[in-house]
Amino acid sequence: MDRRHFLTAVPLAGMAAAIPGNGELLAATPDMAPKDNDREYWLKLMQKISLPLLENLSKGQLRKMMPEEKAPGYNKKTAVVQNLEGFGRTIAGIAPWLELGADDSAEGKQRARFIFMTQKSIAQLVDPASPDYALAQGDDGQHLVDAAFLAHGLIRAPKTLWEPLPASTKQQVFALFRKLRYVKPGHSNWLLFMAMLEIALLKFGEPDWDRVRIDFAVMKHFEWYKGDSMYGDGENFHFDYYNAFVIQPMFVDILKELMNARRGSKADYDLAVTRMQRYGVILERMVSPEGTFPVVGRSMTYRTAVFQPLAQLALSNQLPAELKPAQVRCALTAATKRIFEFPGTFDKQGWLQLGFCGHQPDIADVYTCTGSLYLTLVGFLAWGYQPPHPTGATRPKNGPTRKPGVEKSVKRPRDLTSPTIGRLCDRGMALRYPSLRFSLPPAGIYLFCAMVQQRLELC
């Protein structure tokens, strides 16, 4: 078996075939060695992805100009959901970079342009008189999801994206968030979408925020912890990347905002961060020396959103000691180049197309359309740092590329355990933590760790 290919699935009994099967994937991909201008590469790519959407929405013509490519069997109306879907996911990813603000540097001038377009886009999206109003074509439960991504983006960039907004626009944002309370989320990661809207209302000073919605989501996700850093998507464990797409980043930031508002526990926040750090180690180990990583579970058209927890940890200087900033940068850069430099990722007008590596409509789930794809930008969070920063300031100690087997010793993988038997949350909920290793940790994750164990020290 060649672990250097992207995998289409991972049955517990063994590995599935690679895609594409004729080996052209690796042959068509350029050299993955990170260069000294990694930041420049990432920011150009981020701007390339987000520009068509922001430019059109800021002018009130996104609904008119955005393609409506749909997955086979698509089960929604793109005209209803796509505006909020595309923009909410875009802002969730680029917000930390925008939060750096404008300055006289070349990058700072580009930021000024994107900040302006984003602020105008927010106004277009929440104004009922705008042709691009989020709910102009009707209501859909999907709006809860993407309003939550919008809220997450605003929380990640309050100084540049929230504070400068006119008071009328802020009230329209509040109105949109409150209106979506009619959506009743299932017992899954959707509870975090409900909680994220309420956290945004709390953070931005709206008196009408609902503590119960937040507490319920927090309580259930603590209950759904399965061990070794991973939460269930509901009561059951799902072998996919929803811990990265939604659960861990939103859960950590919800707990952080509660802590900052003196309405939550620092112990809860620290625990969630510790779990995300372990999950970040697992994600980094999944990236092969060639920049490939497994295609597992649903929503793989979100591409680099797989690495959102790792990028968030790098941005906030919270990487665990076993992960060096340059090592993470090498991994993320290699994986991103593998994906975005493959032909067919963009259409002729610069919009993202359905697929994981190139244009692959058949890999898309039934809820996926063009707007869905922009969640890939949450994999770019790390580049919201202000230079100098450990992620960009250091070089790999073993050269510019990810190399297996270059260290004289390799530490064994470990799982995340706790000697704590239990504790009482400030919500009055008793939580139980394992004191022994799980006899059956999430099997697929360990399968992949075994695949790449010999190259744990990459950079």
Protein backbone atom coordinates (compact mmCIF):
# COMPACT_ATOMS: atom_id res chain seq x y z
CA MET A 1 0.00 0.00 0.00
CA ASP A 2 1.24 3.47 -0.89
CA ARG A 3 0.32 5.88 1.91
CA ARG A 4 1.44 8.82 -0.20
CA HIS A 5 -1.89 8.99 -2.04
CA PHE A 6 -5.08 10.63 -0.97
CA LEU A 7 -7.53 8.00 0.19
CA THR A 8 -11.18 7.88 -0.74
CA ALA A 9 -12.25 6.10 2.42
CA VAL A 10 -10.91 4.12 5.34
CA PRO A 11 -12.89 1.01 6.25
CA LEU A 12 -11.81 -0.30 9.63
CA ALA A 13 -10.77 -3.55 7.99
CA GLY A 14 -8.23 -1.85 5.73
CA MET A 15 -7.44 0.96 3.35
CA ALA A 16 -9.40 1.89 0.29
CA ALA A 17 -8.09 2.72 -3.15
CA ALA A 18 -6.43 6.05 -3.84
CA ILE A 19 -7.83 8.81 -6.05
CA PRO A 20 -7.16 9.14 -8.85
CA GLY A 21 -6.07 5.56 -9.28
CA ASN A 22 -3.66 5.99 -12.17
CA GLY A 23 -1.05 7.90 -10.20
CA GLU A 24 -1.58 11.18 -12.05
CA LEU A 25 -2.35 12.99 -8.81
CA LEU A 26 1.24 12.97 -7.61
CA ALA A 27 2.69 13.46 -11.07
CA ALA A 28 0.59 16.58 -11.65
CA THR A 29 1.47 18.25 -8.36
CA PRO A 30 4.45 20.63 -8.08
CA ASP A 31 7.28 20.47 -5.57
CA MET A 32 5.95 20.91 -2.06
CA ALA A 33 9.10 22.29 -0.45
CA PRO A 34 8.14 25.39 1.60
CA LYS A 35 9.88 28.52 0.42
CA ASP A 36 10.93 31.62 2.35
CA ASN A 37 7.85 33.44 1.02
CA ASP A 38 5.30 31.07 2.55
CA ARG A 39 3.31 33.99 3.92
CA GLU A 40 3.16 35.67 0.55
CA TYR A 41 2.00 32.43 -1.07
CA TRP A 42 -0.74 31.85 1.50
CA LEU A 43 -2.06 35.40 1.43
CA LYS A 44 -2.18 35.51 -2.36
CA LEU A 45 -4.12 32.26 -2.37
CA MET A 46 -6.47 33.48 0.36
CA GLN A 47 -7.18 36.63 -1.60
CA LYS A 48 -7.67 34.66 -4.82
CA ILE A 49 -10.29 32.46 -3.15
CA SER A 50 -12.19 35.22 -1.35
CA LEU A 51 -12.03 38.09 -3.86
CA PRO A 52 -14.84 37.06 -6.26
CA LEU A 53 -17.25 36.58 -3.37
CA LEU A 54 -16.38 39.76 -1.47
CA GLU A 55 -16.19 41.94 -4.55
CA ASN A 56 -19.63 40.89 -5.74
CA LEU A 57 -21.36 40.90 -2.37
CA SER A 58 -20.00 44.33 -1.46
CA LYS A 59 -21.72 45.63 -4.63
CA GLY A 60 -24.98 43.82 -3.94
CA GLN A 61 -24.65 41.42 -6.84
CA LEU A 62 -23.52 38.13 -5.31
CA ARG A 63 -26.82 36.37 -5.87
CA LYS A 64 -26.62 37.39 -9.51
CA MET A 65 -22.98 36.48 -10.16
CA MET A 66 -22.16 33.48 -7.97
CA PRO A 67 -22.34 30.10 -9.75
CA GLU A 68 -24.90 27.62 -8.47
CA GLU A 69 -22.98 24.39 -8.83
CA LYS A 70 -24.70 21.67 -6.82
CA ALA A 71 -23.82 18.20 -5.62
CA PRO A 72 -25.63 15.30 -7.24
CA GLY A 73 -28.93 14.94 -5.35
CA TYR A 74 -28.62 18.41 -3.78
CA ASN A 75 -31.49 18.86 -1.32
CA LYS A 76 -31.76 22.64 -0.90
CA LYS A 77 -32.42 25.76 -2.97
CA THR A 78 -29.12 27.48 -3.69
CA ALA A 79 -30.78 30.87 -4.15
CA VAL A 80 -32.06 30.62 -0.57
CA VAL A 81 -28.89 29.55 1.25
CA GLN A 82 -25.86 30.34 -0.88
CA ASN A 83 -25.25 34.03 -0.07
CA LEU A 84 -25.02 33.62 3.68
CA GLU A 85 -23.29 30.28 3.28
CA GLY A 86 -20.46 31.60 1.14
CA PHE A 87 -19.91 34.82 3.06
CA GLY A 88 -20.24 33.40 6.57
CA ARG A 89 -17.62 30.77 5.86
CA THR A 90 -15.30 33.25 4.15
CA ILE A 91 -15.32 35.70 7.02
CA ALA A 92 -14.77 32.92 9.56
CA GLY A 93 -11.46 32.18 7.83
CA ILE A 94 -10.06 35.57 6.84
CA ALA A 95 -11.14 37.50 9.95
CA PRO A 96 -7.84 37.16 11.89
CA TRP A 97 -5.89 38.55 8.95
CA LEU A 98 -8.33 41.45 8.60
CA GLU A 99 -8.07 42.12 12.34
CA LEU A 100 -4.43 43.18 11.82
CA GLY A 101 -5.85 46.33 10.27
CA ALA A 102 -4.62 48.59 7.50
CA ASP A 103 -1.13 50.07 7.34
CA ASP A 104 1.31 51.52 4.79
CA SER A 105 2.89 48.22 3.82
CA ALA A 106 1.88 46.46 0.61
CA GLU A 107 0.10 43.80 2.65
CA GLY A 108 -1.54 46.44 4.84
CA LYS A 109 -2.93 48.20 1.79
CA GLN A 110 -4.38 44.93 0.55
CA ARG A 111 -5.95 44.41 3.97
CA ALA A 112 -7.52 47.87 3.78
CA ARG A 113 -9.18 46.89 0.52
CA PHE A 114 -10.48 43.59 1.91
CA ILE A 115 -11.67 45.20 5.16
CA PHE A 116 -13.66 47.73 3.14
CA MET A 117 -15.24 45.03 0.97
CA THR A 118 -16.04 42.87 3.99
CA GLN A 119 -17.72 45.70 5.89
CA LYS A 120 -19.79 46.56 2.81
CA SER A 121 -20.64 42.88 2.38
CA ILE A 122 -21.94 42.62 5.94
CA ALA A 123 -24.21 45.60 5.32
CA GLN A 124 -25.54 44.08 2.09
CA LEU A 125 -26.16 40.72 3.71
CA VAL A 126 -28.21 41.93 6.69
CA ASP A 127 -30.17 44.78 5.07
CA PRO A 128 -33.70 43.59 4.16
CA ALA A 129 -33.73 46.15 1.32
CA SER A 130 -30.61 44.68 -0.31
CA PRO A 131 -30.87 42.29 -3.26
CA ASP A 132 -28.30 40.17 -1.42
CA TYR A 133 -30.17 40.08 1.90
CA ALA A 134 -29.52 36.69 3.50
CA LEU A 135 -33.20 35.81 3.85
CA ALA A 136 -34.45 37.48 0.66
CA GLN A 137 -35.37 34.17 -0.97
CA GLY A 138 -36.92 32.60 2.11
CA ASP A 139 -35.91 30.80 5.29
CA ASP A 140 -34.00 27.56 5.62
CA GLY A 141 -32.53 25.74 8.59
CA GLN A 142 -29.14 25.98 6.87
CA HIS A 143 -29.14 29.68 7.69
CA LEU A 144 -28.45 28.81 11.33
CA VAL A 145 -25.21 27.10 10.31
CA ASP A 146 -23.84 29.94 8.26
CA ALA A 147 -25.01 32.74 10.51
CA ALA A 148 -22.91 30.97 13.16
CA PHE A 149 -19.87 31.08 10.88
CA LEU A 150 -20.58 34.79 10.33
CA ALA A 151 -20.78 35.29 14.09
CA HIS A 152 -17.52 33.39 14.56
CA GLY A 153 -15.83 35.67 12.04
CA LEU A 154 -17.09 38.80 13.80
CA ILE A 155 -15.83 37.45 17.12
CA ARG A 156 -12.43 36.80 15.54
CA ALA A 157 -12.16 40.38 14.24
CA PRO A 158 -14.18 42.71 16.48
CA LYS A 159 -12.01 45.79 15.97
CA THR A 160 -12.05 45.84 12.18
CA LEU A 161 -15.33 44.11 11.34
CA TRP A 162 -17.72 44.92 14.18
CA GLU A 163 -16.80 48.19 15.87
CA PRO A 164 -16.72 50.31 12.66
CA LEU A 165 -20.19 49.16 11.52
CA PRO A 166 -23.00 51.72 11.66
CA ALA A 167 -25.41 51.28 14.54
CA SER A 168 -28.19 50.43 12.11
CA THR A 169 -26.15 47.60 10.58
CA LYS A 170 -25.32 46.21 14.01
CA GLN A 171 -29.01 46.12 14.88
CA GLN A 172 -29.72 44.31 11.61
CA VAL A 173 -27.08 41.72 12.50
CA PHE A 174 -28.73 41.24 15.89
CA ALA A 175 -32.13 40.92 14.23
CA LEU A 176 -30.85 38.24 11.86
CA PHE A 177 -29.34 36.24 14.72
CA ARG A 178 -32.49 36.47 16.85
CA LYS A 179 -34.74 35.54 13.96
CA LEU A 180 -32.87 32.28 13.47
CA ARG A 181 -33.89 31.09 16.93
CA TYR A 182 -36.84 29.44 15.21
CA VAL A 183 -34.45 26.76 13.89
CA LYS A 184 -34.45 23.77 16.25
CA PRO A 185 -31.02 22.12 16.00
CA GLY A 186 -30.66 18.39 16.38
CA HIS A 187 -28.46 16.85 19.04
CA SER A 188 -25.26 17.18 17.04
CA ASN A 189 -22.64 19.82 16.25
CA TRP A 190 -25.61 22.04 15.30
CA LEU A 191 -26.01 22.89 18.98
CA LEU A 192 -22.79 24.88 18.67
CA PHE A 193 -24.27 26.96 15.86
CA MET A 194 -27.15 27.88 18.16
CA ALA A 195 -24.71 28.73 20.95
CA MET A 196 -22.39 30.75 18.72
CA LEU A 197 -25.17 33.18 17.79
CA GLU A 198 -25.97 33.75 21.46
CA ILE A 199 -22.28 34.19 22.32
CA ALA A 200 -22.02 36.88 19.64
CA LEU A 201 -25.05 38.67 21.08
CA LEU A 202 -23.42 38.54 24.52
CA LYS A 203 -20.02 39.71 23.30
CA PHE A 204 -21.38 42.64 21.33
CA GLY A 205 -23.64 43.96 24.06
CA GLU A 206 -27.10 42.80 23.00
CA PRO A 207 -29.19 42.39 26.19
CA ASP A 208 -31.45 39.80 24.56
CA TRP A 209 -29.10 36.84 24.62
CA ASP A 210 -30.09 33.38 25.81
CA ARG A 211 -27.85 31.71 28.38
CA VAL A 212 -29.82 28.47 28.27
CA ARG A 213 -28.98 27.85 24.61
CA ILE A 214 -25.29 28.26 25.35
CA ASP A 215 -25.25 26.14 28.49
CA PHE A 216 -27.13 23.31 26.83
CA ALA A 217 -24.66 23.15 23.93
CA VAL A 218 -21.67 23.25 26.30
CA MET A 219 -23.13 20.60 28.60
CA LYS A 220 -23.91 18.20 25.74
CA HIS A 221 -20.47 18.52 24.17
CA PHE A 222 -18.76 17.77 27.46
CA GLU A 223 -21.01 14.73 27.69
CA TRP A 224 -20.11 13.67 24.15
CA TYR A 225 -16.36 13.60 24.69
CA LYS A 226 -15.15 10.18 23.50
CA GLY A 227 -11.52 10.29 24.57
CA ASP A 228 -8.11 11.05 23.10
CA SER A 229 -9.13 14.59 22.12
CA MET A 230 -12.25 13.77 20.10
CA TYR A 231 -15.90 14.57 20.64
CA GLY A 232 -18.85 12.72 19.21
CA ASP A 233 -21.05 14.50 16.73
CA GLY A 234 -23.95 13.78 19.01
CA GLU A 235 -23.87 10.69 21.19
CA ASN A 236 -22.03 8.59 18.62
CA PHE A 237 -18.49 8.91 17.34
CA HIS A 238 -18.29 9.68 13.62
CA PHE A 239 -15.06 9.03 11.79
CA ASP A 240 -14.85 12.30 9.87
CA TYR A 241 -13.34 15.75 10.30
CA TYR A 242 -16.23 17.52 12.02
CA ASN A 243 -14.07 17.94 15.10
CA ALA A 244 -12.04 20.22 12.82
CA PHE A 245 -14.75 21.79 10.65
CA VAL A 246 -16.94 22.86 13.57
CA ILE A 247 -16.71 21.23 16.97
CA GLN A 248 -13.32 22.01 18.48
CA PRO A 249 -12.79 25.58 17.18
CA MET A 250 -16.32 26.73 18.01
CA PHE A 251 -16.38 24.95 21.37
CA VAL A 252 -13.08 26.48 22.45
CA ASP A 253 -14.09 29.98 21.38
CA ILE A 254 -17.51 29.74 23.02
CA LEU A 255 -15.85 28.75 26.29
CA LYS A 256 -13.30 31.53 25.85
CA GLU A 257 -15.98 34.19 25.42
CA LEU A 258 -17.88 32.87 28.44
CA MET A 259 -14.69 33.02 30.48
CA ASN A 260 -13.90 36.55 29.28
CA ALA A 261 -17.42 37.68 30.20
CA ARG A 262 -17.01 36.14 33.68
CA ARG A 263 -19.87 33.78 32.96
CA GLY A 264 -17.88 30.62 32.45
CA SER A 265 -15.10 28.54 33.93
CA LYS A 266 -11.42 28.93 33.07
CA ALA A 267 -11.01 25.25 33.90
CA ASP A 268 -13.53 24.35 31.18
CA TYR A 269 -11.69 26.51 28.65
CA ASP A 270 -8.28 25.10 29.58
CA LEU A 271 -9.60 21.55 29.30
CA ALA A 272 -11.02 22.20 25.83
CA VAL A 273 -7.75 23.79 24.69
CA THR A 274 -5.77 20.79 25.97
CA ARG A 275 -8.00 18.47 23.98
CA MET A 276 -7.65 20.62 20.87
CA GLN A 277 -3.87 20.57 21.27
CA ARG A 278 -3.90 16.79 21.24
CA TYR A 279 -6.21 16.82 18.22
CA GLY A 280 -3.78 19.21 16.52
CA VAL A 281 -0.99 16.67 17.02
CA ILE A 282 -3.13 14.00 15.38
CA LEU A 283 -3.94 16.27 12.43
CA GLU A 284 -0.29 17.18 11.90
CA ARG A 285 0.72 13.53 11.93
CA MET A 286 -1.81 12.76 9.24
CA VAL A 287 0.06 14.91 6.72
CA SER A 288 2.57 12.80 4.84
CA PRO A 289 6.03 14.08 3.83
CA GLU A 290 4.56 14.69 0.36
CA GLY A 291 1.72 16.84 1.68
CA THR A 292 -1.05 14.26 1.30
CA PHE A 293 -3.60 13.40 3.96
CA PRO A 294 -6.57 11.01 4.21
CA VAL A 295 -9.96 11.69 2.67
CA VAL A 296 -12.31 10.38 5.35
CA GLY A 297 -15.99 10.93 6.00
CA ARG A 298 -18.35 13.56 4.70
CA SER A 299 -17.80 17.17 3.64
CA MET A 300 -14.35 16.67 2.12
CA THR A 301 -15.13 19.44 -0.36
CA TYR A 302 -14.23 21.76 2.52
CA ARG A 303 -10.62 20.94 1.67
CA THR A 304 -8.18 22.70 4.05
CA ALA A 305 -10.86 23.27 6.71
CA VAL A 306 -9.58 19.91 7.96
CA PHE A 307 -6.72 21.84 9.59
CA GLN A 308 -8.72 24.58 11.31
CA PRO A 309 -7.79 23.47 14.88
CA LEU A 310 -4.10 23.29 13.98
CA ALA A 311 -4.22 26.72 12.33
CA GLN A 312 -6.08 28.20 15.29
CA LEU A 313 -3.54 26.83 17.75
CA ALA A 314 -0.69 28.27 15.68
CA LEU A 315 -2.38 31.67 15.47
CA SER A 316 -2.96 31.86 19.23
CA ASN A 317 0.52 30.57 20.20
CA GLN A 318 -1.08 27.53 21.83
CA LEU A 319 0.66 24.74 19.94
CA PRO A 320 1.67 21.86 22.22
CA ALA A 321 5.35 21.51 22.98
CA GLU A 322 5.73 18.53 20.66
CA LEU A 323 4.74 20.62 17.62
CA LYS A 324 7.17 23.29 16.47
CA PRO A 325 5.71 26.30 14.63
CA ALA A 326 7.90 25.72 11.55
CA GLN A 327 6.86 22.06 11.54
CA VAL A 328 3.18 23.06 11.43
CA ARG A 329 3.83 25.64 8.74
CA CYS A 330 5.58 23.01 6.61
CA ALA A 331 2.68 20.60 7.02
CA LEU A 332 -0.03 23.14 6.22
CA THR A 333 1.85 24.60 3.28
CA ALA A 334 2.55 21.21 1.74
CA ALA A 335 -1.06 20.05 2.10
CA THR A 336 -2.47 23.31 0.78
CA LYS A 337 -0.28 23.26 -2.31
CA ARG A 338 -1.29 19.69 -3.00
CA ILE A 339 -4.92 20.74 -3.12
CA PHE A 340 -5.00 24.20 -4.64
CA GLU A 341 -2.40 23.80 -7.35
CA PHE A 342 -4.29 20.90 -8.89
CA PRO A 343 -6.14 21.82 -12.13
CA GLY A 344 -9.90 22.29 -11.88
CA THR A 345 -10.03 23.69 -8.36
CA PHE A 346 -11.22 27.05 -9.74
CA ASP A 347 -13.51 27.81 -12.66
CA LYS A 348 -12.61 30.34 -15.35
CA GLN A 349 -14.07 33.20 -13.32
CA GLY A 350 -12.10 32.28 -10.22
CA TRP A 351 -14.88 30.61 -8.19
CA LEU A 352 -14.19 27.41 -6.29
CA GLN A 353 -15.59 24.26 -7.86
CA LEU A 354 -16.96 21.14 -6.17
CA GLY A 355 -14.24 18.67 -5.35
CA PHE A 356 -11.38 17.87 -3.02
CA CYS A 357 -8.43 17.76 -5.40
CA GLY A 358 -9.53 19.46 -8.59
CA HIS A 359 -13.08 19.35 -9.93
CA GLN A 360 -14.81 16.26 -8.48
CA PRO A 361 -18.58 16.84 -8.18
CA ASP A 362 -19.26 13.24 -7.19
CA ILE A 363 -17.36 13.61 -3.91
CA ALA A 364 -19.76 16.35 -2.77
CA ASP A 365 -22.50 15.59 -0.23
CA VAL A 366 -26.15 16.33 -0.95
CA TYR A 367 -26.06 19.57 1.08
CA THR A 368 -23.05 20.99 -0.83
CA CYS A 369 -23.12 23.84 -3.33
CA THR A 370 -20.64 26.52 -4.39
CA GLY A 371 -21.15 28.57 -1.23
CA SER A 372 -20.35 25.58 0.97
CA LEU A 373 -16.81 25.32 -0.40
CA TYR A 374 -15.61 28.57 1.17
CA LEU A 375 -15.22 26.90 4.55
CA THR A 376 -11.80 25.94 3.21
CA LEU A 377 -10.64 29.40 4.31
CA VAL A 378 -10.74 28.48 8.01
CA GLY A 379 -7.60 26.51 7.24
CA PHE A 380 -5.89 29.89 6.66
CA LEU A 381 -6.35 31.21 10.22
CA ALA A 382 -2.66 30.93 11.11
CA TRP A 383 -1.77 33.70 8.69
CA GLY A 384 -3.61 36.25 10.77
CA TYR A 385 -0.51 36.66 12.92
CA GLN A 386 1.41 39.92 13.12
CA PRO A 387 5.04 39.35 12.02
CA PRO A 388 7.36 38.51 13.66
CA HIS A 389 5.63 35.38 14.94
CA PRO A 390 6.93 31.87 15.68
CA THR A 391 4.86 30.36 12.89
CA GLY A 392 6.58 32.44 10.24
CA ALA A 393 9.82 33.55 11.85
CA THR A 394 11.56 30.21 12.24
CA ARG A 395 12.85 27.83 9.59
CA PRO A 396 12.73 24.04 9.73
CA LYS A 397 15.86 22.75 11.46
CA ASN A 398 16.30 19.93 8.95
CA GLY A 399 15.95 21.95 5.79
CA PRO A 400 13.09 23.41 3.82
CA THR A 401 11.06 20.27 3.16
CA ARG A 402 9.18 17.72 5.26
CA LYS A 403 11.43 14.69 5.63
CA PRO A 404 10.74 11.37 7.34
CA GLY A 405 13.32 9.66 9.49
CA VAL A 406 15.72 12.56 9.89
CA GLU A 407 15.75 12.63 13.69
CA LYS A 408 17.97 10.35 15.76
CA SER A 409 15.02 9.48 18.00
CA VAL A 410 11.26 9.42 17.61
CA LYS A 411 8.90 9.57 20.57
CA ARG A 412 6.09 7.06 20.73
CA PRO A 413 2.53 8.29 20.11
CA ARG A 414 0.44 8.83 23.22
CA ASP A 415 -3.24 9.24 23.89
CA LEU A 416 -4.75 11.99 25.98
CA THR A 417 -5.55 10.74 29.48
CA SER A 418 -6.30 12.38 32.76
CA PRO A 419 -5.76 11.19 36.34
CA THR A 420 -8.87 13.12 37.29
CA ILE A 421 -11.81 10.85 38.11
CA GLY A 422 -14.39 13.57 38.07
CA ARG A 423 -15.18 17.17 38.90
CA LEU A 424 -18.18 19.37 39.34
CA CYS A 425 -18.76 21.99 36.66
CA ASP A 426 -20.04 25.41 37.59
CA ARG A 427 -23.21 24.38 35.74
CA GLY A 428 -23.75 21.64 38.31
CA MET A 429 -22.99 18.82 35.88
CA ALA A 430 -20.72 15.99 37.02
CA LEU A 431 -18.14 15.11 34.38
CA ARG A 432 -16.13 11.92 34.39
CA TYR A 433 -12.69 11.69 32.83
CA PRO A 434 -10.75 8.50 32.14
CA SER A 435 -7.83 7.53 34.34
CA LEU A 436 -6.74 4.69 32.07
CA ARG A 437 -6.09 4.43 28.36
CA PHE A 438 -9.07 3.49 26.28
CA SER A 439 -8.98 -0.08 25.07
CA LEU A 440 -10.76 1.07 21.90
CA PRO A 441 -9.72 4.64 21.04
CA PRO A 442 -11.09 5.99 17.73
CA ALA A 443 -9.68 3.18 15.65
CA GLY A 444 -9.25 4.95 12.37
CA ILE A 445 -7.21 7.76 13.87
CA TYR A 446 -4.74 5.31 15.33
CA LEU A 447 -4.61 3.51 12.02
CA PHE A 448 -3.31 6.66 10.41
CA CYS A 449 -0.93 7.42 13.27
CA ALA A 450 0.63 4.03 12.68
CA MET A 451 0.98 4.82 8.97
CA VAL A 452 3.03 7.94 9.60
CA GLN A 453 4.72 7.02 12.88
CA GLN A 454 8.18 6.86 11.33
CA ARG A 455 8.14 10.47 10.23
CA LEU A 456 6.78 12.23 13.29
CA GLU A 457 9.68 14.68 13.45
CA LEU A 458 9.36 16.31 10.06
CA CYS A 459 11.08 19.63 10.09
